[in-house]
Structure formats: structure tokens, C-alpha cells
């Protein structure tokens, strides 16, 4: 039965439903751990590439080739990380998107409008900032897509490091933004960074995806069926000229993410639970290890702010992302029935928008694709991504710290469970049983306090009756 639609104005960044809150908490917990690993891998890459005795070994390992050449897969370690391991990351992104479309906020067009508009503006404005910077400065327009991506794992790692107790609605907004962002990033990669097509390989990849879909629909189970098939589809997609990560997101979108009667978890949720740690804990950190190792020097840092291509990337991430996401959210609230949650203010949206300027993983990938063949410019753009992400993270840290006391109060309200039911009280306020449990709890506490009061009174009365005790008139004042 279709649920009746409410005519009540929708609250932007309002409290999540309990199932959505639980899902978001679980997803963010894994992403945060992965983000810390990603941060550690990026730092390790920078040290490995910039310590003189270690620099040559970093280059040797990154450019070491292996794989079956007959299948067109004799790739470098860095290439395997970008095209192979990131396919796992985009597979998880595909499952997240499918879940949001069928069971999350994006299933309701009214609820989906806000994050979709914010994400689109958050991609369009950075691209526009980059383009204007390079048209004015006479630079290359090839990197227009570099500052359009948001790295959710890195953004959440920043939150974990600074210890901000963000309310679940703001965290969910950031997560949903990143899911939509990932979808459009994949579309950008597929449309704008596809080499000459090999139609035979592309046809084989499409056929493999059809087989994958049919097996899912027939309920066939077993990793030994799907993993080999996924590897074949990935290899064919790679050889077709379309970026191989597209195969990952396509397979993720095919999984069923709605629960049937008697199911605790849908197949998509189950597989995501299994694969997400592999993505966040191995695939993305290894990609960062072999992509973030750029040579940093005083001259190279200065060049980032003088070359139009690199300056465009930095401005796109730091300025474009904030203006795009904040402006898109404001427009959605201004011209729809939505209004901002009473618990939050527009500076909160601005702070989260600045956090979205951390565009690490996908930005590095797009930078490699945009300037393929120009190693010097690729390295400079990577440095610009790192610097832009660092500036965005610093700005977000300052803004979030200013509002941290407010966030902590909201978070404590969301987490309070006075009746000890395991469900936060804010979700039970309309349940009569909740108030009965709370009344019984208070009655037990009141009875305990009455007992303690009686014991104290009896002890004081007994002390007063003892000759020579405190309060005896013969001893004078006590």
C-alpha cells in the first residue's frame, strides 16, 4: 500500500528515521576507519616519495609492471591500483546509490531533491571556477573535472581526527552528497575520459553484465560464480577503452537492495557489509599510496598558486565546492517547501560544504586521466589536489570547532536513552509504552530516594537521643 504523502513542509537536515540513522551510523563507522587509513597512506606516500634515499624505490615500485600481456593487462602497480582496486570502491558506491534509490532518502523525489541539487551545484560551480581561472590565465581546460569530486572517506577521517560530534542529519547529508557525487563522477569518467572504443570488448563486457544480472534475478548464490565473472567483466571493460571502474559501479547497481519478507538484510546490504571493509581498508588506501606520492618542494608549492591549471584546482575545491553546495542547498530551501531544521543554522551547512572540498581519491584519478601523457602536469595537479584538500580540511575544522558545543548538545539529545530500551528517546516520545517505562523507572528512583531519606532521618534522630551526643544542651552548642 502506498503511504499517503504529507503536505507538511519538509525540514532540511531534519532528524533521520531510526532505520536510516542506524544504517548511516554503521556506514560512517566503516568509512571513518577507512578515512584514517587513507590519511595514513597519503602521508606515507608523501614521505616515501620525498625522502631522498627512498624516492627511487617509490618510483621503482609504482612503475613495476606485471599481469598477462596477452590479455592487455600488463599494467604497472600504480595502474592496477587506479583501475583495479578502485573498481571495488566504485562497486560499493554503486550499492550505496542503489540502496539510497530504493530504501533511503533518494527514493522520495521530494527528499532526493535537496542532496541532488546540492551535489550538482557542488560539481558545476567548481568546474566553472576552474574554467574561468584557466580562460583568464591562458591555461588548459582539460582539468575542469578534477575539483568536482568529494572524498567522503577523507572528509570523515577529518571529522574523526578533530572529534566533532556532528548530528546524524549533517553526517547523512554529507554521505548522501558523496553518493550522488560518486555517480556523476563515474558519468564524467565514462563520457569525457573514454579512449578509442574497442566495440568487441565493450560488447563482451555488456554481455557479461547481462549474465551477472540474470544470475542475480534467478537467485544463484556463491562467490565462486560472481567473483570470476566480475573479473572477466572488469577485464573486458578495461580493454574496451571505457574506464574499468564503470564495471564496478554497474555491478553494484544491479544488486537487490530492498528487503523481502523474512529477510534481515537484502543481498546488496549483505554484500556491501562484506566488501566495504575491503574497499575502505585496502583498495582506497593502496590507491592513495601509489597516487599521492608527489615531489613537494618550496618551488613546487609556489607553482601551485601561479600556474592556472593548479590554481584552478585549488580554487575549485576550496571556493567552488563551498559556494556550490551551500548555494544549491539554499536554493532548494528557498524555492521548494523545504525549510532548515530548527536545531541547525546556515553556518552549519556552510561548514559541511567546506568539508566537501576535500576531493582526494576521485580527484587524483580524474587528474591522471585528464593530463594523461603529461607527467609533469599530472604531478602538479596531484599537488594541487593535496593542497586544496588540506586547505578545505583546515577551513572546515575551524568552522566546525566554532559550532562544536552546539553539535555536542544535539548529539547528546539524539543519543539519550533514559528508559534503557536500546532506542534513543527522541524516537519513542509518541509511544505510550515509553512513558510507562519512564514512569516506572522514576517511581523506582523515587522509592529509593525515600528509603535513603528515611534512613538518614532515623540515623540523625538516634544520634540526637544519645547522651552527650551532638545537639545535647549540656555540652553547649554543637
Protein backbone atom coordinates (compact mmCIF):
# COMPACT_ATOMS: atom_id res chain seq x y z
CA UNK A 1 0.00 0.00 0.00
CA UNK A 2 1.32 3.43 -0.91
CA UNK A 3 1.94 5.72 2.05
CA UNK A 4 -0.01 8.97 1.96
CA UNK A 5 2.13 11.99 1.18
CA UNK A 6 2.35 14.61 3.84
CA UNK A 7 1.68 18.21 2.91
CA UNK A 8 3.82 19.40 5.83
CA UNK A 9 6.85 21.43 4.78
CA UNK A 10 9.94 19.24 4.75
CA UNK A 11 12.76 20.09 7.17
CA UNK A 12 16.17 20.38 5.55
CA UNK A 13 18.71 18.40 7.63
CA UNK A 14 15.96 17.30 10.00
CA UNK A 15 16.16 14.22 12.22
CA UNK A 16 16.56 10.91 10.38
CA UNK A 17 14.22 7.96 10.76
CA UNK A 18 15.58 5.30 13.14
CA UNK A 19 16.40 2.68 10.41
CA UNK A 20 18.12 5.33 8.27
CA UNK A 21 20.01 6.62 11.33
CA UNK A 22 21.24 3.09 12.11
CA UNK A 23 22.37 2.49 8.52
CA UNK A 24 24.16 5.84 8.36
CA UNK A 25 25.92 5.19 11.68
CA UNK A 26 27.17 1.78 10.51
CA UNK A 27 28.28 3.11 7.12
CA UNK A 28 30.06 6.11 8.58
CA UNK A 29 31.83 4.00 11.18
CA UNK A 30 33.49 1.95 8.44
CA UNK A 31 34.14 5.00 6.26
CA UNK A 32 35.75 6.83 9.18
CA UNK A 33 38.15 3.97 9.88
CA UNK A 34 38.89 3.76 6.17
CA UNK A 35 39.44 7.50 6.07
CA UNK A 36 42.04 7.31 8.84
CA UNK A 37 43.83 4.56 6.87
CA UNK A 38 43.56 6.71 3.74
CA UNK A 39 45.09 9.65 5.60
CA UNK A 40 47.92 7.43 6.85
CA UNK A 41 48.53 6.07 3.33
CA UNK A 42 48.69 9.60 1.86
CA UNK A 43 51.21 10.71 4.48
CA UNK A 44 53.26 7.54 3.89
CA UNK A 45 53.23 8.19 0.12
CA UNK A 46 54.46 11.76 0.57
CA UNK A 47 57.25 10.67 2.90
CA UNK A 48 58.23 7.75 0.64
CA UNK A 49 58.38 9.99 -2.43
CA UNK A 50 60.14 12.95 -0.79
CA UNK A 51 62.82 11.37 1.42
CA UNK A 52 65.84 11.26 -0.94
CA UNK A 53 67.10 7.73 -0.03
CA UNK A 54 63.58 6.32 -0.56
CA UNK A 55 62.46 8.27 -3.65
CA UNK A 56 63.94 5.87 -6.23
CA UNK A 57 62.35 2.85 -4.57
CA UNK A 58 58.93 4.56 -4.68
CA UNK A 59 59.31 5.16 -8.41
CA UNK A 60 60.51 1.60 -8.98
CA UNK A 61 57.62 0.01 -7.11
CA UNK A 62 54.99 2.33 -8.65
CA UNK A 63 56.16 1.62 -12.20
CA UNK A 64 56.77 -2.11 -11.77
CA UNK A 65 54.69 -3.97 -14.40
CA UNK A 66 53.00 -7.33 -14.02
CA UNK A 67 49.96 -9.12 -15.44
CA UNK A 68 49.05 -11.14 -18.56
CA UNK A 69 50.22 -9.10 -21.54
CA UNK A 70 48.23 -11.34 -23.94
CA UNK A 71 45.03 -10.09 -22.29
CA UNK A 72 46.15 -6.45 -22.42
CA UNK A 73 46.66 -6.41 -18.66
CA UNK A 74 50.42 -5.94 -18.29
CA UNK A 75 49.99 -2.92 -16.00
CA UNK A 76 52.11 -1.01 -13.51
CA UNK A 77 51.41 -1.27 -9.77
CA UNK A 78 50.03 2.30 -9.80
CA UNK A 79 47.82 1.41 -12.79
CA UNK A 80 46.48 -1.71 -11.06
CA UNK A 81 45.65 0.42 -8.00
CA UNK A 82 43.81 3.06 -10.07
CA UNK A 83 41.95 0.79 -12.49
CA UNK A 84 41.70 -2.41 -10.48
CA UNK A 85 41.37 -1.65 -6.79
CA UNK A 86 39.24 1.46 -7.34
CA UNK A 87 36.71 -0.75 -9.15
CA UNK A 88 36.00 -2.24 -5.69
CA UNK A 89 35.48 1.26 -4.30
CA UNK A 90 33.01 2.11 -7.07
CA UNK A 91 31.28 -1.26 -6.65
CA UNK A 92 30.48 -0.25 -3.06
CA UNK A 93 29.46 3.22 -4.29
CA UNK A 94 27.07 1.56 -6.75
CA UNK A 95 25.46 -0.47 -3.94
CA UNK A 96 25.15 2.67 -1.79
CA UNK A 97 23.46 4.53 -4.62
CA UNK A 98 21.07 1.64 -5.32
CA UNK A 99 20.15 1.44 -1.64
CA UNK A 100 19.53 5.19 -1.46
CA UNK A 101 17.31 4.95 -4.56
CA UNK A 102 15.14 2.07 -3.30
CA UNK A 103 15.27 2.30 0.50
CA UNK A 104 16.97 5.54 1.51
CA UNK A 105 16.28 9.26 1.20
CA UNK A 106 16.58 9.29 -2.60
CA UNK A 107 13.51 7.07 -3.06
CA UNK A 108 11.29 10.06 -2.31
CA UNK A 109 11.68 12.68 -5.08
CA UNK A 110 10.97 15.46 -2.57
CA UNK A 111 13.65 14.20 -0.20
CA UNK A 112 16.06 13.48 -3.06
CA UNK A 113 15.78 16.99 -4.50
CA UNK A 114 17.96 18.60 -1.83
CA UNK A 115 21.09 16.37 -1.97
CA UNK A 116 20.83 16.02 -5.76
CA UNK A 117 20.61 19.80 -6.30
CA UNK A 118 23.37 20.40 -3.75
CA UNK A 119 25.62 17.75 -5.33
CA UNK A 120 25.03 19.01 -8.88
CA UNK A 121 25.76 22.61 -7.85
CA UNK A 122 28.73 21.32 -5.87
CA UNK A 123 30.14 19.85 -9.09
CA UNK A 124 29.12 22.54 -11.56
CA UNK A 125 30.47 25.54 -9.63
CA UNK A 126 34.00 24.08 -9.09
CA UNK A 127 34.16 23.22 -12.81
CA UNK A 128 33.08 26.79 -13.61
CA UNK A 129 35.68 28.23 -11.20
CA UNK A 130 38.41 26.10 -12.83
CA UNK A 131 37.28 27.10 -16.32
CA UNK A 132 37.19 30.84 -15.54
CA UNK A 133 40.61 30.66 -13.88
CA UNK A 134 42.15 28.97 -16.91
CA UNK A 135 40.38 31.11 -19.51
CA UNK A 136 41.66 34.19 -17.70
CA UNK A 137 45.16 32.79 -17.18
CA UNK A 138 45.53 31.08 -20.54
CA UNK A 139 45.76 27.57 -19.09
CA UNK A 140 44.46 24.18 -20.26
CA UNK A 141 40.77 23.39 -19.82
CA UNK A 142 41.49 19.65 -19.73
CA UNK A 143 41.34 19.51 -15.93
CA UNK A 144 37.88 21.06 -15.48
CA UNK A 145 36.55 17.88 -13.82
CA UNK A 146 39.38 17.49 -11.27
CA UNK A 147 37.84 19.69 -8.50
CA UNK A 148 34.31 18.31 -8.93
CA UNK A 149 34.69 15.23 -6.69
CA UNK A 150 34.29 14.85 -2.92
CA UNK A 151 36.19 12.19 -0.95
CA UNK A 152 33.75 11.00 1.73
CA UNK A 153 36.29 8.76 3.50
CA UNK A 154 38.84 11.55 3.81
CA UNK A 155 36.16 14.02 4.94
CA UNK A 156 35.00 11.63 7.66
CA UNK A 157 38.61 11.00 8.67
CA UNK A 158 38.92 14.73 9.32
CA UNK A 159 35.80 14.54 11.50
CA UNK A 160 37.30 11.61 13.39
CA UNK A 161 40.58 13.45 13.95
CA UNK A 162 39.02 16.69 15.19
CA UNK A 163 36.50 14.75 17.29
CA UNK A 164 33.42 16.70 16.26
CA UNK A 165 30.12 15.18 17.44
CA UNK A 166 28.15 16.07 14.36
CA UNK A 167 24.40 15.39 14.50
CA UNK A 168 23.33 12.41 12.40
CA UNK A 169 21.43 14.64 9.95
CA UNK A 170 24.58 16.56 8.97
CA UNK A 171 26.57 13.34 8.63
CA UNK A 172 23.83 11.79 6.50
CA UNK A 173 23.73 14.92 4.34
CA UNK A 174 27.48 14.59 3.74
CA UNK A 175 27.16 10.86 2.98
CA UNK A 176 24.25 11.33 0.55
CA UNK A 177 26.08 14.18 -1.16
CA UNK A 178 29.08 11.92 -1.68
CA UNK A 179 26.94 9.07 -3.07
CA UNK A 180 25.36 11.37 -5.67
CA UNK A 181 28.78 12.92 -6.28
CA UNK A 182 30.26 9.47 -6.97
CA UNK A 183 27.53 8.71 -9.51
CA UNK A 184 28.17 11.88 -11.50
CA UNK A 185 31.95 11.40 -11.20
CA UNK A 186 31.56 7.98 -12.82
CA UNK A 187 29.42 9.51 -15.58
CA UNK A 188 32.10 12.17 -16.16
CA UNK A 189 34.81 9.49 -16.36
CA UNK A 190 32.73 7.33 -18.71
CA UNK A 191 31.69 10.16 -21.04
CA UNK A 192 34.67 12.52 -21.08
CA UNK A 193 37.64 10.26 -20.38
CA UNK A 194 36.94 7.30 -22.62
CA UNK A 195 39.64 6.45 -25.13
CA UNK A 196 39.01 4.98 -28.59
CA UNK A 197 36.37 2.32 -28.14
CA UNK A 198 37.00 -1.36 -28.79
CA UNK A 199 33.45 -2.39 -29.62
CA UNK A 200 34.18 -6.12 -29.41
CA UNK A 201 35.50 -5.82 -25.85
CA UNK A 202 32.68 -3.41 -24.92
CA UNK A 203 30.10 -5.85 -26.28
CA UNK A 204 31.69 -8.64 -24.26
CA UNK A 205 31.57 -6.50 -21.11
CA UNK A 206 27.89 -5.69 -21.69
CA UNK A 207 27.15 -9.39 -22.28
CA UNK A 208 28.95 -10.24 -19.04
CA UNK A 209 26.88 -7.67 -17.17
CA UNK A 210 23.68 -9.18 -18.61
CA UNK A 211 24.77 -12.63 -17.41
CA UNK A 212 25.57 -11.11 -13.99
CA UNK A 213 22.06 -9.58 -13.86
CA UNK A 214 20.33 -12.82 -14.93
CA UNK A 215 22.17 -14.87 -12.30
CA UNK A 216 21.11 -12.38 -9.63
CA UNK A 217 17.48 -12.49 -10.77
CA UNK A 218 17.48 -16.29 -10.69
CA UNK A 219 18.78 -16.25 -7.14
CA UNK A 220 22.06 -18.02 -7.93
CA UNK A 221 24.39 -17.83 -4.94
CA UNK A 222 28.10 -18.38 -4.41
CA UNK A 223 31.11 -16.08 -4.60
CA UNK A 224 32.84 -18.67 -6.84
CA UNK A 225 30.29 -17.77 -9.55
CA UNK A 226 30.24 -13.99 -9.25
CA UNK A 227 33.90 -13.18 -8.49
CA UNK A 228 35.32 -14.85 -11.66
CA UNK A 229 32.51 -13.31 -13.74
CA UNK A 230 33.22 -9.87 -12.22
CA UNK A 231 36.91 -10.20 -13.09
CA UNK A 232 36.05 -11.07 -16.70
CA UNK A 233 33.65 -8.12 -16.98
CA UNK A 234 36.29 -5.80 -15.48
CA UNK A 235 38.99 -7.00 -17.89
CA UNK A 236 36.71 -6.59 -20.92
CA UNK A 237 35.64 -3.13 -19.75
CA UNK A 238 39.27 -2.12 -19.32
CA UNK A 239 40.17 -3.29 -22.84
CA UNK A 240 37.09 -1.59 -24.32
CA UNK A 241 38.50 1.90 -23.70
CA UNK A 242 35.83 2.76 -21.10
CA UNK A 243 37.37 3.27 -17.67
CA UNK A 244 37.32 -0.06 -15.85
CA UNK A 245 35.77 1.37 -12.66
CA UNK A 246 32.50 1.73 -14.61
CA UNK A 247 32.18 -2.06 -14.43
CA UNK A 248 32.27 -1.86 -10.63
CA UNK A 249 29.50 0.69 -10.28
CA UNK A 250 27.36 -1.12 -12.90
CA UNK A 251 27.51 -4.40 -10.97
CA UNK A 252 26.80 -2.60 -7.69
CA UNK A 253 23.65 -1.03 -9.17
CA UNK A 254 22.37 -4.48 -10.20
CA UNK A 255 22.22 -5.89 -6.68
CA UNK A 256 18.85 -6.02 -4.95
CA UNK A 257 18.83 -3.61 -2.01
CA UNK A 258 15.23 -3.87 -0.76
CA UNK A 259 14.32 -6.46 1.85
CA UNK A 260 11.78 -9.17 1.24
CA UNK A 261 9.57 -10.70 3.90
CA UNK A 262 11.64 -12.66 6.41
CA UNK A 263 14.94 -11.06 5.41
CA UNK A 264 17.04 -9.23 7.99
CA UNK A 265 19.25 -7.81 5.22
CA UNK A 266 18.91 -7.55 1.46
CA UNK A 267 21.60 -9.18 -0.73
CA UNK A 268 23.00 -5.75 -1.53
CA UNK A 269 23.30 -4.79 2.14
CA UNK A 270 24.90 -8.14 2.96
CA UNK A 271 27.48 -7.90 0.17
CA UNK A 272 28.18 -4.26 0.98
CA UNK A 273 28.82 -5.26 4.61
CA UNK A 274 31.36 -7.84 3.39
CA UNK A 275 33.07 -5.73 0.71
CA UNK A 276 33.10 -2.27 2.34
CA UNK A 277 35.99 -3.11 4.73
CA UNK A 278 37.99 -4.39 1.72
CA UNK A 279 37.27 -1.14 -0.14
CA UNK A 280 37.85 1.28 2.75
CA UNK A 281 40.64 -0.67 4.42
CA UNK A 282 42.68 -1.90 1.44
CA UNK A 283 41.65 -0.70 -2.02
CA UNK A 284 41.43 3.06 -1.39
CA UNK A 285 44.49 3.32 0.91
CA UNK A 286 46.62 1.40 -1.63
CA UNK A 287 45.41 3.70 -4.40
CA UNK A 288 46.38 6.69 -2.24
CA UNK A 289 49.77 5.15 -1.52
CA UNK A 290 50.63 4.98 -5.22
CA UNK A 291 48.87 8.16 -6.34
CA UNK A 292 49.65 10.71 -3.63
CA UNK A 293 53.42 10.33 -3.80
CA UNK A 294 54.25 13.63 -5.48
CA UNK A 295 57.52 15.50 -5.01
CA UNK A 296 56.95 18.50 -2.78
CA UNK A 297 59.39 21.41 -2.61
CA UNK A 298 59.16 25.14 -1.95
CA UNK A 299 59.24 25.87 -5.67
CA UNK A 300 56.62 23.22 -6.45
CA UNK A 301 54.28 24.62 -3.77
CA UNK A 302 54.70 28.13 -5.14
CA UNK A 303 53.95 26.88 -8.67
CA UNK A 304 50.59 25.55 -7.47
CA UNK A 305 49.42 29.12 -6.90
CA UNK A 306 50.93 30.56 -10.08
CA UNK A 307 50.01 28.01 -12.77
CA UNK A 308 46.39 28.48 -13.96
CA UNK A 309 45.68 24.72 -14.07
CA UNK A 310 46.76 24.08 -10.50
CA UNK A 311 45.33 27.33 -9.15
CA UNK A 312 42.02 26.42 -10.81
CA UNK A 313 42.01 23.07 -8.98
CA UNK A 314 42.73 24.69 -5.59
CA UNK A 315 40.11 27.41 -6.05
CA UNK A 316 37.61 24.87 -7.37
CA UNK A 317 37.95 22.70 -4.25
CA UNK A 318 38.18 25.47 -1.65
CA UNK A 319 35.84 28.12 -3.12
CA UNK A 320 33.77 26.33 -5.77
CA UNK A 321 32.67 23.42 -3.57
CA UNK A 322 31.56 25.67 -0.72
CA UNK A 323 29.65 28.09 -2.94
CA UNK A 324 28.11 25.29 -5.00
CA UNK A 325 26.84 23.09 -2.15
CA UNK A 326 25.81 25.95 0.13
CA UNK A 327 24.14 27.79 -2.77
CA UNK A 328 22.40 24.65 -4.03
CA UNK A 329 21.06 23.87 -0.54
CA UNK A 330 19.85 27.44 -0.07
CA UNK A 331 18.13 27.41 -3.48
CA UNK A 332 16.41 24.12 -2.67
CA UNK A 333 15.16 25.55 0.62
CA UNK A 334 14.19 28.87 -0.98
CA UNK A 335 12.19 27.56 -3.93
CA UNK A 336 10.68 24.35 -2.52
CA UNK A 337 8.53 23.56 0.53
CA UNK A 338 11.67 22.63 2.46
CA UNK A 339 12.94 24.66 5.42
CA UNK A 340 16.07 24.31 7.53
CA UNK A 341 15.82 22.19 10.68
CA UNK A 342 15.10 24.25 13.81
CA UNK A 343 18.16 22.70 15.52
CA UNK A 344 20.62 23.93 12.88
CA UNK A 345 21.64 27.19 11.25
CA UNK A 346 23.00 28.10 7.83
CA UNK A 347 26.59 28.34 9.17
CA UNK A 348 26.30 24.57 9.80
CA UNK A 349 25.52 23.97 6.13
CA UNK A 350 28.44 26.22 5.17
CA UNK A 351 30.81 24.21 7.41
CA UNK A 352 29.75 20.87 5.90
CA UNK A 353 30.00 22.37 2.41
CA UNK A 354 33.60 23.37 3.14
CA UNK A 355 34.28 19.81 4.29
CA UNK A 356 33.09 18.58 0.88
CA UNK A 357 36.04 20.46 -0.65
CA UNK A 358 38.24 17.51 0.33
CA UNK A 359 38.45 15.92 -3.11
CA UNK A 360 41.17 13.33 -2.75
CA UNK A 361 40.62 9.88 -4.25
CA UNK A 362 38.45 10.59 -7.30
CA UNK A 363 40.12 13.95 -7.94
CA UNK A 364 43.52 12.25 -8.12
CA UNK A 365 42.07 9.67 -10.50
CA UNK A 366 40.49 12.29 -12.77
CA UNK A 367 43.73 14.32 -12.67
CA UNK A 368 45.63 11.30 -14.01
CA UNK A 369 43.08 10.81 -16.77
CA UNK A 370 42.80 14.49 -17.70
CA UNK A 371 46.53 15.02 -18.20
CA UNK A 372 47.50 11.53 -19.32
CA UNK A 373 50.76 11.69 -21.23
CA UNK A 374 51.91 14.87 -19.49
CA UNK A 375 53.72 13.53 -16.43
CA UNK A 376 54.88 16.94 -15.19
CA UNK A 377 51.39 18.45 -15.27
CA UNK A 378 49.90 15.30 -13.70
CA UNK A 379 52.27 15.65 -10.75
CA UNK A 380 51.48 19.36 -10.39
CA UNK A 381 47.73 18.71 -10.47
CA UNK A 382 48.13 15.99 -7.82
CA UNK A 383 49.98 18.50 -5.63
CA UNK A 384 47.15 20.99 -6.21
CA UNK A 385 44.57 18.37 -5.14
CA UNK A 386 46.53 17.68 -1.95
CA UNK A 387 46.94 21.38 -1.12
CA UNK A 388 43.32 22.23 -1.97
CA UNK A 389 42.06 19.33 0.16
CA UNK A 390 44.31 20.39 3.04
CA UNK A 391 43.05 23.99 2.90
CA UNK A 392 39.42 22.78 2.76
CA UNK A 393 40.01 20.45 5.71
CA UNK A 394 41.59 23.26 7.75
CA UNK A 395 38.75 25.66 6.96
CA UNK A 396 36.13 23.03 7.83
CA UNK A 397 37.94 22.21 11.10
CA UNK A 398 37.85 25.85 12.20
CA UNK A 399 34.18 26.29 11.28
CA UNK A 400 33.08 23.02 12.89
CA UNK A 401 35.05 23.72 16.08
CA UNK A 402 33.26 27.08 16.43
CA UNK A 403 29.91 25.26 16.46
CA UNK A 404 31.13 22.15 18.30
CA UNK A 405 29.40 22.91 21.62
CA UNK A 406 26.07 23.22 19.79
CA UNK A 407 26.70 19.92 17.96
CA UNK A 408 27.57 18.15 21.19
CA UNK A 409 24.26 19.17 22.79
CA UNK A 410 22.33 17.97 19.73
CA UNK A 411 24.27 14.71 19.67
CA UNK A 412 23.63 14.09 23.38
CA UNK A 413 19.92 14.71 22.83
CA UNK A 414 19.86 12.23 19.95
CA UNK A 415 21.72 9.57 21.99
CA UNK A 416 19.81 9.90 25.29
CA UNK A 417 18.12 6.63 26.33
CA UNK A 418 16.67 7.22 29.80
CA UNK A 419 14.32 4.22 29.74
CA UNK A 420 17.24 1.91 28.78
CA UNK A 421 15.28 0.38 25.89
CA UNK A 422 18.17 0.50 23.42
CA UNK A 423 16.29 3.04 21.28
CA UNK A 424 17.04 6.78 21.67
CA UNK A 425 14.25 8.60 23.49
CA UNK A 426 13.62 11.07 20.64
CA UNK A 427 12.23 8.17 18.59
CA UNK A 428 9.85 6.96 21.33
CA UNK A 429 8.19 10.16 22.51
CA UNK A 430 4.89 9.24 20.82
CA UNK A 431 4.89 5.69 22.23
CA UNK A 432 2.72 5.26 25.39
CA UNK A 433 4.87 2.30 26.50
CA UNK A 434 7.91 4.57 26.58
CA UNK A 435 6.22 6.93 29.04
CA UNK A 436 5.03 3.98 31.16
CA UNK A 437 8.59 2.59 31.28
CA UNK A 438 9.91 6.03 32.21
CA UNK A 439 7.23 6.46 34.91
CA UNK A 440 8.12 3.06 36.42
CA UNK A 441 11.80 3.99 36.34
CA UNK A 442 11.17 7.31 38.09
CA UNK A 443 8.92 5.57 40.68
CA UNK A 444 11.73 3.12 41.49
CA UNK A 445 14.17 6.01 41.79
CA UNK A 446 11.70 7.95 43.99
CA UNK A 447 11.19 4.90 46.24
CA UNK A 448 14.95 4.51 46.58
CA UNK A 449 15.36 8.17 47.49
CA UNK A 450 12.52 7.90 50.06
CA UNK A 451 14.26 4.89 51.64
CA UNK A 452 17.58 6.76 51.82
CA UNK A 453 15.83 9.82 53.30
CA UNK A 454 14.16 7.69 55.99
CA UNK A 455 17.46 6.01 56.89
CA UNK A 456 19.21 9.40 57.16
CA UNK A 457 16.40 10.80 59.29
CA UNK A 458 16.43 7.77 61.58
CA UNK A 459 20.21 7.96 61.96
CA UNK A 460 20.03 11.66 62.82
CA UNK A 461 17.18 11.06 65.33
CA UNK A 462 19.12 8.26 67.01
CA UNK A 463 22.24 10.42 67.26
CA UNK A 464 20.26 13.22 68.91
CA UNK A 465 18.99 10.84 71.67
CA UNK A 466 22.49 9.64 72.71
CA UNK A 467 23.59 11.44 75.97
CA UNK A 468 26.47 13.71 75.27
CA UNK A 469 25.84 13.44 71.53
CA UNK A 470 25.80 16.30 69.13
CA UNK A 471 22.96 18.61 69.99
CA UNK A 472 22.94 17.77 73.76
CA UNK A 473 22.29 21.04 75.65
CA UNK A 474 24.76 20.09 78.43
CA UNK A 475 27.64 20.26 76.00
CA UNK A 476 26.73 23.68 74.68
CA UNK A 477 26.45 24.38 71.00
CA UNK A 478 27.49 21.53 68.71
